[in-house]
Each structure stands twice: as structure tokens, then as C-alpha cells.
Amino acid sequence: MPLDSLHECEAVINGDVESLILYRDSEGGVRAWRNVCPHAGRRLDYAPGKFIRTKQGQLVCAVHGATFALPQGDCVAGPCKGDCLCAVAVRNENDAVVLAE
């Protein structure tokens, strides 16, 4: 996964298949969130794995325009300002991203 990039993947969490957003920052750290906007419960991507980003690198919900600061996942503008994305614990393991237990 390239640095400072977003990717969508699916993972089984508590027995359910969930769409996740993976973010790798410029220092190689990885974060993950559920691919769900806290405003209306819709996916953040406009097509599977296709995300809208501002020139400053923020993530924008394709449906209602909520804007999320990265790598924190905090909503900084839009209908759910003050909320945040739901984090999922992950770790790097031999250059692969895996769910943390």
C-alpha cells in the first residue's frame, strides 16, 4: 500500500463482514476505520475503493460531504462535525495489515 493512501478492504469482525478503510501515513503507520459515515450510516466511498479527498488530504463522504481529518478520523466539517470515524485496531505484520486481537 503506497504511503499516505486510502484503500478499502473487507474483514470479518464479530462474525460480520465489514467494509474497512485502511490508511497508511507518510511515516508508514497504518490506521483502519469502518467504512461508514457517522452522519447517515452510508459508505464513505463513491464506488468500492474510490474515495474523495481534499487538496489537504482530508477524506470526504461522497453522499453528504462530511470531511474527516487524517490520520485522526475526526469530522472537521459537514453534517456530523465533532463526530469521528469508528476505529478498528490493526497492526503491521510482515508488511501485511492484520486485525489486532
Protein backbone atom coordinates (compact mmCIF):
# COMPACT_ATOMS: atom_id res chain seq x y z
CA MET A 1 0.00 0.00 0.00
CA PRO A 2 1.57 3.36 -1.00
CA LEU A 3 2.29 5.96 1.67
CA ASP A 4 -0.47 8.46 2.55
CA SER A 5 -3.06 6.35 0.79
CA LEU A 6 -6.57 5.06 1.36
CA HIS A 7 -7.79 1.59 0.48
CA GLU A 8 -11.00 -0.33 1.04
CA CYS A 9 -11.00 -3.94 2.15
CA GLU A 10 -13.36 -6.35 3.82
CA ALA A 11 -12.75 -8.11 7.12
CA VAL A 12 -14.80 -10.35 9.38
CA ILE A 13 -15.41 -8.58 12.69
CA ASN A 14 -17.53 -10.28 15.36
CA GLY A 15 -18.80 -12.70 12.72
CA ASP A 16 -19.93 -9.98 10.28
CA VAL A 17 -18.25 -8.94 7.05
CA GLU A 18 -17.36 -5.25 7.34
CA SER A 19 -16.01 -2.79 4.79
CA LEU A 20 -12.92 -1.05 6.19
CA ILE A 21 -10.86 1.96 5.18
CA LEU A 22 -7.11 1.41 5.53
CA TYR A 23 -4.87 4.48 5.74
CA ARG A 24 -1.08 4.39 5.60
CA ASP A 25 0.54 7.66 6.62
CA SER A 26 3.78 9.15 5.32
CA GLU A 27 5.70 7.54 8.22
CA GLY A 28 4.44 4.04 7.39
CA GLY A 29 1.89 3.80 10.20
CA VAL A 30 -1.43 2.13 9.42
CA ARG A 31 -4.88 3.00 10.75
CA ALA A 32 -8.26 1.49 9.97
CA TRP A 33 -11.87 2.59 10.34
CA ARG A 34 -15.21 1.11 9.44
CA ASN A 35 -16.20 2.44 6.01
CA VAL A 36 -19.28 4.14 7.46
CA CYS A 37 -20.05 7.84 7.78
CA PRO A 38 -21.30 8.64 11.31
CA HIS A 39 -23.85 11.07 9.84
CA ALA A 40 -26.14 8.71 7.95
CA GLY A 41 -24.51 5.29 8.17
CA ARG A 42 -23.60 5.23 4.47
CA ARG A 43 -20.29 4.14 2.97
CA LEU A 44 -17.71 6.87 2.53
CA ASP A 45 -16.51 5.71 -0.89
CA TYR A 46 -18.48 6.70 -4.01
CA ALA A 47 -17.63 3.35 -5.63
CA PRO A 48 -15.88 0.42 -3.96
CA GLY A 49 -12.41 1.64 -3.00
CA LYS A 50 -12.84 5.08 -4.65
CA PHE A 51 -12.57 7.95 -2.16
CA ILE A 52 -12.86 11.73 -2.47
CA ARG A 53 -10.00 13.68 -0.86
CA THR A 54 -9.45 17.39 -0.49
CA LYS A 55 -6.25 19.07 -1.64
CA GLN A 56 -5.18 18.95 2.02
CA GLY A 57 -5.66 15.16 2.05
CA GLN A 58 -8.86 15.04 4.11
CA LEU A 59 -11.41 12.30 3.41
CA VAL A 60 -14.83 13.48 2.17
CA CYS A 61 -18.05 11.46 2.41
CA ALA A 62 -19.38 11.02 -1.12
CA VAL A 63 -23.02 11.35 -0.02
CA HIS A 64 -23.32 14.40 2.25
CA GLY A 65 -19.84 15.96 2.20
CA ALA A 66 -18.75 15.30 5.77
CA THR A 67 -14.98 15.93 5.90
CA PHE A 68 -12.60 13.88 8.05
CA ALA A 69 -9.07 14.84 9.13
CA LEU A 70 -6.49 12.12 8.61
CA PRO A 71 -4.95 10.28 10.34
CA GLN A 72 -7.20 11.05 13.32
CA GLY A 73 -10.56 10.30 11.64
CA ASP A 74 -12.25 13.32 13.25
CA CYS A 75 -15.06 15.04 11.34
CA VAL A 76 -13.98 18.64 10.87
CA ALA A 77 -16.77 19.88 8.57
CA GLY A 78 -20.21 18.90 7.40
CA PRO A 79 -23.32 17.41 8.99
CA CYS A 80 -21.50 15.31 11.62
CA LYS A 81 -18.83 17.84 12.65
CA GLY A 82 -17.39 16.78 16.01
CA ASP A 83 -18.03 13.06 15.45
CA CYS A 84 -15.33 10.65 14.36
CA LEU A 85 -14.93 7.54 12.28
CA CYS A 86 -15.18 4.21 14.12
CA ALA A 87 -11.61 2.95 14.54
CA VAL A 88 -10.67 -0.69 14.06
CA ALA A 89 -7.47 -1.93 15.69
CA VAL A 90 -4.91 -3.18 13.16
CA ARG A 91 -1.19 -3.86 13.15
CA ASN A 92 1.60 -4.40 10.63
CA GLU A 93 2.76 -8.00 10.44
CA ASN A 94 5.44 -8.87 7.88
CA ASP A 95 4.34 -5.97 5.63
CA ALA A 96 0.69 -7.07 5.84
CA VAL A 97 -2.09 -5.28 7.70
CA VAL A 98 -3.94 -7.60 10.08
CA LEU A 99 -6.67 -7.10 12.64
CA ALA A 100 -5.29 -6.68 16.15
CA GLU A 101 -6.71 -9.09 18.68
